[in-house]
Amino acid sequence: MENQELIGLAMGTLITLMIGSYLLGDNLVYRWGLAILVGLGTGYALGVTLLFVAPLIWQAIQSADPVLRLFYAIPLLLGVLLLLKGFSTRLAPLGNITMGFLLGVGAAVAVSGALVGTLIPQMYQTGAALKSTAPIPLVEGGIILIGTITSLLVFSSWAPRRADGQPPRWLTWVQRLGRGFLVVTLAVAFAGAITSALTLLVERLWDVLTLVIQVSQQYFGG
């Protein structure tokens, strides 16, 4: 193993152990590890910006094309306004313009992504699954349809009322069924997150073991 790879593996192992010390409680070593990760991420982003983005903006500003200059000048201006929130108390409210723009664009992207990427395909698949004449796909389509409708009814604010002001019993059972679908869905998502975390943990532990083996072979001949 080359020295650069060995140094990188050693640094990764050290930061892993520093972050892992949180298992013993919140301590100074853990906070140092977090500070190193945040600092490295910020420094990397700044380095990429200065190395690749800044020359493009500078060339665009010096360009003779007014449309191109305006295209790059607007995000540059928004970035300067955002920096004012951290460097100037009096001018900090100007940074709200950039924050509002970011939040508005982010919300629009999230809503459109939810519609195009989740809700509309879900509706399409729910209807398409019921077109099959085979028994198993038909049962699967029925389960999808029931799960979709009952889950949506859980979050519905409108409900028919009886004379005593209470919702009808059938609606209560339908909402309970929807909550059951939601519980199963959240459990599957949580299990996936736990599996991913365990996979990352195994990879980091394997890196630590690899470092120990490499050091022992290189310096102790083991």
Protein backbone atom coordinates (compact mmCIF):
# COMPACT_ATOMS: atom_id res chain seq x y z
CA MET A 1 0.00 0.00 0.00
CA GLU A 2 1.30 3.46 -0.90
CA ASN A 3 1.98 6.03 1.78
CA GLN A 4 -0.84 8.31 0.56
CA GLU A 5 -3.39 5.50 0.80
CA LEU A 6 -2.06 4.54 4.21
CA ILE A 7 -2.35 8.12 5.46
CA GLY A 8 -5.87 8.44 4.09
CA LEU A 9 -6.90 5.17 5.69
CA ALA A 10 -5.36 6.24 8.99
CA MET A 11 -7.16 9.59 8.95
CA GLY A 12 -10.48 7.90 8.12
CA THR A 13 -9.94 5.44 10.96
CA LEU A 14 -9.10 8.24 13.40
CA ILE A 15 -12.21 10.27 12.52
CA THR A 16 -14.32 7.11 12.71
CA LEU A 17 -13.08 6.43 16.23
CA MET A 18 -13.61 10.07 17.21
CA ILE A 19 -17.22 10.03 15.98
CA GLY A 20 -17.74 6.58 17.47
CA SER A 21 -16.70 7.87 20.89
CA TYR A 22 -20.21 9.34 21.10
CA LEU A 23 -21.27 5.86 22.22
CA LEU A 24 -19.55 6.73 25.52
CA GLY A 25 -21.48 10.00 25.74
CA ASP A 26 -21.08 13.54 24.42
CA ASN A 27 -17.39 14.37 24.81
CA LEU A 28 -14.71 16.70 23.49
CA VAL A 29 -13.24 14.12 21.09
CA TYR A 30 -16.64 13.61 19.45
CA ARG A 31 -17.10 17.37 19.01
CA TRP A 32 -13.62 17.62 17.50
CA GLY A 33 -14.56 14.91 15.00
CA LEU A 34 -17.70 16.79 14.02
CA ALA A 35 -15.74 20.02 13.68
CA ILE A 36 -13.20 18.30 11.42
CA LEU A 37 -15.93 16.84 9.20
CA VAL A 38 -17.75 20.17 8.91
CA GLY A 39 -14.52 22.07 8.32
CA LEU A 40 -13.33 19.64 5.66
CA GLY A 41 -16.69 19.75 3.90
CA THR A 42 -16.79 23.54 3.96
CA GLY A 43 -13.19 23.83 2.80
CA TYR A 44 -13.77 21.36 -0.03
CA ALA A 45 -16.87 23.23 -1.21
CA LEU A 46 -15.00 26.53 -1.06
CA GLY A 47 -12.05 25.07 -2.95
CA VAL A 48 -14.28 23.70 -5.70
CA THR A 49 -16.04 27.06 -5.94
CA LEU A 50 -12.81 29.01 -6.25
CA LEU A 51 -11.26 26.52 -8.66
CA PHE A 52 -14.14 25.88 -11.05
CA VAL A 53 -17.08 28.22 -10.44
CA ALA A 54 -15.29 31.53 -9.85
CA PRO A 55 -13.36 31.48 -13.18
CA LEU A 56 -16.61 30.81 -15.07
CA ILE A 57 -18.34 33.72 -13.37
CA TRP A 58 -15.40 36.02 -14.00
CA GLN A 59 -15.23 35.08 -17.67
CA ALA A 60 -18.98 35.58 -18.03
CA ILE A 61 -18.83 39.03 -16.41
CA GLN A 62 -16.06 40.05 -18.81
CA SER A 63 -17.98 38.66 -21.79
CA ALA A 64 -19.41 40.98 -24.42
CA ASP A 65 -22.74 39.15 -24.40
CA PRO A 66 -25.09 41.09 -22.07
CA VAL A 67 -27.43 38.10 -21.65
CA LEU A 68 -24.57 35.90 -20.48
CA ARG A 69 -23.35 38.57 -18.06
CA LEU A 70 -26.83 38.98 -16.62
CA PHE A 71 -27.22 35.20 -16.34
CA TYR A 72 -24.15 34.99 -14.08
CA ALA A 73 -24.52 38.37 -12.39
CA ILE A 74 -27.87 37.53 -10.78
CA PRO A 75 -26.67 34.47 -8.81
CA LEU A 76 -23.48 36.36 -7.92
CA LEU A 77 -25.56 39.23 -6.51
CA LEU A 78 -27.77 36.81 -4.58
CA GLY A 79 -24.69 35.15 -3.13
CA VAL A 80 -23.27 38.50 -1.99
CA LEU A 81 -26.59 39.37 -0.33
CA LEU A 82 -26.55 36.05 1.48
CA LEU A 83 -23.02 36.69 2.75
CA LEU A 84 -24.25 39.92 4.34
CA LYS A 85 -26.21 37.85 6.88
CA GLY A 86 -22.95 36.66 8.36
CA PHE A 87 -20.79 39.79 8.05
CA SER A 88 -23.06 42.76 8.61
CA THR A 89 -25.77 43.18 11.23
CA ARG A 90 -27.37 46.23 9.64
CA LEU A 91 -27.39 44.79 6.12
CA ALA A 92 -28.33 41.26 7.20
CA PRO A 93 -32.04 41.71 6.24
CA LEU A 94 -30.94 42.02 2.60
CA GLY A 95 -29.94 38.39 2.77
CA ASN A 96 -33.60 37.50 3.25
CA ILE A 97 -34.06 38.15 -0.47
CA THR A 98 -31.73 35.28 -1.27
CA MET A 99 -33.23 33.08 1.43
CA GLY A 100 -36.72 33.71 0.09
CA PHE A 101 -35.56 32.88 -3.43
CA LEU A 102 -33.90 29.65 -2.26
CA LEU A 103 -36.89 28.58 -0.19
CA GLY A 104 -39.32 29.40 -2.99
CA VAL A 105 -37.35 27.48 -5.60
CA GLY A 106 -36.79 24.61 -3.16
CA ALA A 107 -40.49 24.40 -2.33
CA ALA A 108 -41.43 24.49 -6.02
CA VAL A 109 -38.95 21.73 -6.84
CA ALA A 110 -40.18 19.64 -3.89
CA VAL A 111 -43.84 20.01 -4.85
CA SER A 112 -43.23 19.30 -8.52
CA GLY A 113 -41.00 16.36 -7.63
CA ALA A 114 -43.66 14.95 -5.32
CA LEU A 115 -46.32 15.27 -8.03
CA VAL A 116 -44.29 14.05 -11.00
CA GLY A 117 -42.09 11.56 -9.19
CA THR A 118 -44.44 10.13 -6.54
CA LEU A 119 -48.13 11.01 -6.62
CA ILE A 120 -48.85 10.75 -10.37
CA PRO A 121 -46.83 7.51 -10.85
CA GLN A 122 -48.53 6.09 -7.75
CA MET A 123 -51.96 6.87 -9.19
CA TYR A 124 -50.96 5.40 -12.54
CA GLN A 125 -49.58 2.20 -11.01
CA THR A 126 -52.65 1.86 -8.80
CA GLY A 127 -54.93 1.93 -11.82
CA ALA A 128 -52.62 -0.14 -14.05
CA ALA A 129 -52.39 -2.95 -11.49
CA LEU A 130 -56.16 -3.50 -11.70
CA LYS A 131 -56.09 -4.02 -15.47
CA SER A 132 -54.53 -7.44 -15.16
CA THR A 133 -56.74 -10.52 -15.40
CA ALA A 134 -54.26 -12.81 -13.62
CA PRO A 135 -55.26 -13.49 -10.00
CA ILE A 136 -52.01 -12.57 -8.26
CA PRO A 137 -51.46 -9.17 -9.99
CA LEU A 138 -55.15 -8.44 -9.49
CA VAL A 139 -54.87 -9.11 -5.75
CA GLU A 140 -51.71 -6.98 -5.58
CA GLY A 141 -53.50 -4.17 -7.40
CA GLY A 142 -56.43 -4.41 -5.01
CA ILE A 143 -54.11 -4.18 -2.00
CA ILE A 144 -52.39 -1.15 -3.53
CA LEU A 145 -55.74 0.51 -4.21
CA ILE A 146 -57.06 -0.16 -0.70
CA GLY A 147 -53.80 0.98 0.89
CA THR A 148 -53.75 4.19 -1.14
CA ILE A 149 -57.35 5.14 -0.39
CA THR A 150 -57.27 4.27 3.30
CA SER A 151 -53.93 6.03 3.83
CA LEU A 152 -55.28 9.20 2.22
CA LEU A 153 -58.40 9.04 4.40
CA VAL A 154 -56.19 9.08 7.50
CA PHE A 155 -55.10 12.62 6.63
CA SER A 156 -58.52 13.78 5.41
CA SER A 157 -60.05 16.57 7.49
CA TRP A 158 -63.51 16.01 6.05
CA ALA A 159 -65.65 13.20 7.46
CA PRO A 160 -69.36 12.45 7.61
CA ARG A 161 -70.87 12.79 11.07
CA ARG A 162 -73.63 10.95 12.84
CA ALA A 163 -76.37 12.66 14.80
CA ASP A 164 -74.21 12.65 17.93
CA GLY A 165 -71.35 14.40 16.08
CA GLN A 166 -69.10 11.34 15.95
CA PRO A 167 -67.76 9.84 12.69
CA PRO A 168 -69.45 6.65 11.54
CA ARG A 169 -67.98 3.36 12.69
CA TRP A 170 -67.04 2.27 9.19
CA LEU A 171 -64.89 5.36 8.71
CA THR A 172 -63.11 4.67 11.99
CA TRP A 173 -62.21 1.17 10.86
CA VAL A 174 -61.13 2.43 7.45
CA GLN A 175 -58.80 4.97 9.08
CA ARG A 176 -57.41 2.27 11.36
CA LEU A 177 -56.66 0.18 8.30
CA GLY A 178 -54.94 3.18 6.71
CA ARG A 179 -52.85 3.67 9.84
CA GLY A 180 -51.85 0.03 9.59
CA PHE A 181 -50.61 0.57 6.03
CA LEU A 182 -48.71 3.65 7.18
CA VAL A 183 -47.11 1.77 10.07
CA VAL A 184 -45.94 -0.99 7.73
CA THR A 185 -44.58 1.56 5.24
CA LEU A 186 -42.70 3.51 7.91
CA ALA A 187 -41.34 0.27 9.38
CA VAL A 188 -39.99 -0.80 6.00
CA ALA A 189 -38.41 2.63 5.46
CA PHE A 190 -36.87 2.55 8.95
CA ALA A 191 -35.54 -0.96 8.37
CA GLY A 192 -33.95 0.23 5.14
CA ALA A 193 -32.30 3.15 6.95
CA ILE A 194 -30.99 0.83 9.67
CA THR A 195 -29.65 -1.58 7.05
CA SER A 196 -27.83 1.24 5.26
CA ALA A 197 -26.35 2.48 8.55
CA LEU A 198 -25.17 -1.02 9.47
CA THR A 199 -23.64 -1.43 6.01
CA LEU A 200 -21.67 1.80 6.46
CA LEU A 201 -20.61 0.68 9.94
CA VAL A 202 -19.33 -2.64 8.61
CA GLU A 203 -17.40 -0.82 5.87
CA ARG A 204 -15.76 1.51 8.38
CA LEU A 205 -14.86 -1.37 10.69
CA TRP A 206 -13.39 -3.21 7.72
CA ASP A 207 -11.26 -0.14 6.93
CA VAL A 208 -10.03 -0.08 10.52
CA LEU A 209 -9.14 -3.77 10.31
CA THR A 210 -7.39 -3.20 6.98
CA LEU A 211 -5.31 -0.42 8.52
CA VAL A 212 -4.26 -2.65 11.40
CA ILE A 213 -3.27 -5.45 8.99
CA GLN A 214 -1.33 -3.11 6.70
CA VAL A 215 0.56 -1.48 9.57
CA SER A 216 1.43 -4.83 11.09
CA GLN A 217 2.67 -6.17 7.75
CA GLN A 218 4.66 -3.05 6.91
CA TYR A 219 6.32 -2.37 10.27
CA PHE A 220 6.21 -5.66 12.13
CA GLY A 221 6.32 -8.16 9.28
CA GLY A 222 3.17 -9.88 10.55
